[in-house]
Amino acid sequence: MLTPETHNALRLFGGLIEEGRLRKGWSREELAQRVGVGVLTIRRVIQGAPGVAIGTYFEAATLVGIPLFALESQGLLDRELARQQEKLQLLPSRVRRPQEDRVDDDF
């Protein structure tokens, strides 16, 4: 079950995609063809359906001119991605539970 915040965010994202599509003067069929999905999937995106792949949302948004992550230029997005990847490399590869959560089975 989605939280109301998630549901509203998906609906907003879908609405922005629809607005961008209309600004471009594209039909839903044309957007679907450009994204590489069917018209039904585009309808679901516009409605904010949670079952649609996030890549489909992102591709549609990019095609209609919605900046992702408020990083308008590709260079900024690339730099942020590289920075995030560096952070992941510095973090431990696995998460360990704190000692107090472990069962003391030494007899």
Protein backbone atom coordinates (compact mmCIF):
# COMPACT_ATOMS: atom_id res chain seq x y z
CA MET A 1 0.00 0.00 0.00
CA LEU A 2 1.35 3.41 -0.96
CA THR A 3 1.54 6.29 1.45
CA PRO A 4 -0.54 9.31 0.48
CA GLU A 5 2.70 11.24 -0.16
CA THR A 6 3.96 8.64 -2.64
CA HIS A 7 0.61 8.45 -4.37
CA ASN A 8 0.44 12.24 -4.71
CA ALA A 9 4.04 12.40 -5.96
CA LEU A 10 3.26 9.87 -8.71
CA ARG A 11 0.13 11.77 -9.69
CA LEU A 12 2.10 15.03 -9.80
CA PHE A 13 4.85 13.43 -11.89
CA GLY A 14 2.25 12.03 -14.30
CA GLY A 15 0.58 15.41 -14.54
CA LEU A 16 3.88 17.12 -15.32
CA ILE A 17 4.53 14.56 -18.06
CA GLU A 18 1.07 15.18 -19.52
CA GLU A 19 1.64 18.94 -19.39
CA GLY A 20 5.00 18.55 -21.15
CA ARG A 21 3.42 16.32 -23.79
CA LEU A 22 0.75 18.91 -24.50
CA ARG A 23 3.36 21.70 -24.68
CA LYS A 24 5.26 19.68 -27.29
CA GLY A 25 2.03 19.15 -29.24
CA TRP A 26 2.44 15.38 -29.19
CA SER A 27 -0.40 12.89 -29.05
CA ARG A 28 -0.30 10.17 -26.44
CA GLU A 29 0.39 7.73 -29.25
CA GLU A 30 3.42 9.75 -30.34
CA LEU A 31 4.81 9.93 -26.80
CA ALA A 32 4.24 6.19 -26.38
CA GLN A 33 6.15 5.49 -29.59
CA ARG A 34 9.04 7.74 -28.53
CA VAL A 35 9.22 6.08 -25.09
CA GLY A 36 8.91 2.62 -26.62
CA VAL A 37 5.76 1.55 -24.79
CA GLY A 38 2.07 1.23 -25.57
CA VAL A 39 -0.53 3.97 -25.28
CA LEU A 40 -2.08 2.20 -22.28
CA THR A 41 1.22 2.49 -20.43
CA ILE A 42 1.37 6.22 -21.17
CA ARG A 43 -2.18 6.59 -19.85
CA ARG A 44 -1.09 4.82 -16.67
CA VAL A 45 1.95 7.11 -16.36
CA ILE A 46 -0.28 10.18 -16.69
CA GLN A 47 -2.57 8.78 -13.98
CA GLY A 48 0.42 8.15 -11.70
CA ALA A 49 0.05 4.38 -11.61
CA PRO A 50 2.61 2.80 -9.25
CA GLY A 51 3.01 -0.38 -11.30
CA VAL A 52 4.72 1.36 -14.23
CA ALA A 53 8.51 0.96 -14.33
CA ILE A 54 10.38 3.98 -13.04
CA GLY A 55 12.49 3.98 -16.20
CA THR A 56 9.33 4.56 -18.22
CA TYR A 57 8.44 7.57 -16.07
CA PHE A 58 11.99 8.95 -16.38
CA GLU A 59 12.16 8.43 -20.15
CA ALA A 60 8.81 10.12 -20.69
CA ALA A 61 9.81 13.01 -18.43
CA THR A 62 13.13 13.48 -20.21
CA LEU A 63 11.49 13.43 -23.63
CA VAL A 64 8.95 16.11 -22.72
CA GLY A 65 11.58 18.31 -21.08
CA ILE A 66 11.12 17.72 -17.36
CA PRO A 67 14.51 17.97 -15.61
CA LEU A 68 15.23 15.02 -13.36
CA PHE A 69 16.65 15.64 -9.89
CA ALA A 70 16.65 19.40 -10.62
CA LEU A 71 19.90 18.89 -12.53
CA GLU A 72 19.17 20.56 -15.82
CA SER A 73 22.39 19.86 -17.68
CA GLN A 74 23.75 16.40 -18.42
CA GLY A 75 27.12 17.43 -16.97
CA LEU A 76 25.61 18.08 -13.54
CA LEU A 77 23.76 14.78 -13.56
CA ASP A 78 26.95 12.93 -14.54
CA ARG A 79 28.94 14.63 -11.77
CA GLU A 80 26.30 13.88 -9.14
CA LEU A 81 26.17 10.25 -10.27
CA ALA A 82 29.97 9.97 -10.00
CA ARG A 83 29.90 11.55 -6.52
CA GLN A 84 27.18 9.17 -5.37
CA GLN A 85 29.10 6.17 -6.72
CA GLU A 86 32.22 7.31 -4.82
CA LYS A 87 30.20 7.50 -1.60
CA LEU A 88 28.92 3.96 -2.12
CA GLN A 89 32.49 2.74 -2.60
CA LEU A 90 33.48 4.24 0.77
CA LEU A 91 30.62 2.67 2.69
CA PRO A 92 30.90 -0.88 4.01
CA SER A 93 29.70 -3.49 1.54
CA ARG A 94 27.45 -5.12 4.08
CA VAL A 95 25.52 -3.98 7.09
CA ARG A 96 26.24 -5.58 10.42
CA ARG A 97 23.83 -5.67 13.29
CA PRO A 98 25.05 -4.01 16.47
CA GLN A 99 26.61 -6.37 19.04
CA GLU A 100 23.78 -5.90 21.56
CA ASP A 101 21.27 -7.32 19.03
CA ARG A 102 23.18 -10.56 18.65
CA VAL A 103 22.31 -13.61 20.66
CA ASP A 104 24.99 -14.55 23.17
CA ASP A 105 25.37 -18.27 22.51
CA ASP A 106 28.84 -18.76 24.03
CA PHE A 107 28.46 -21.42 26.74
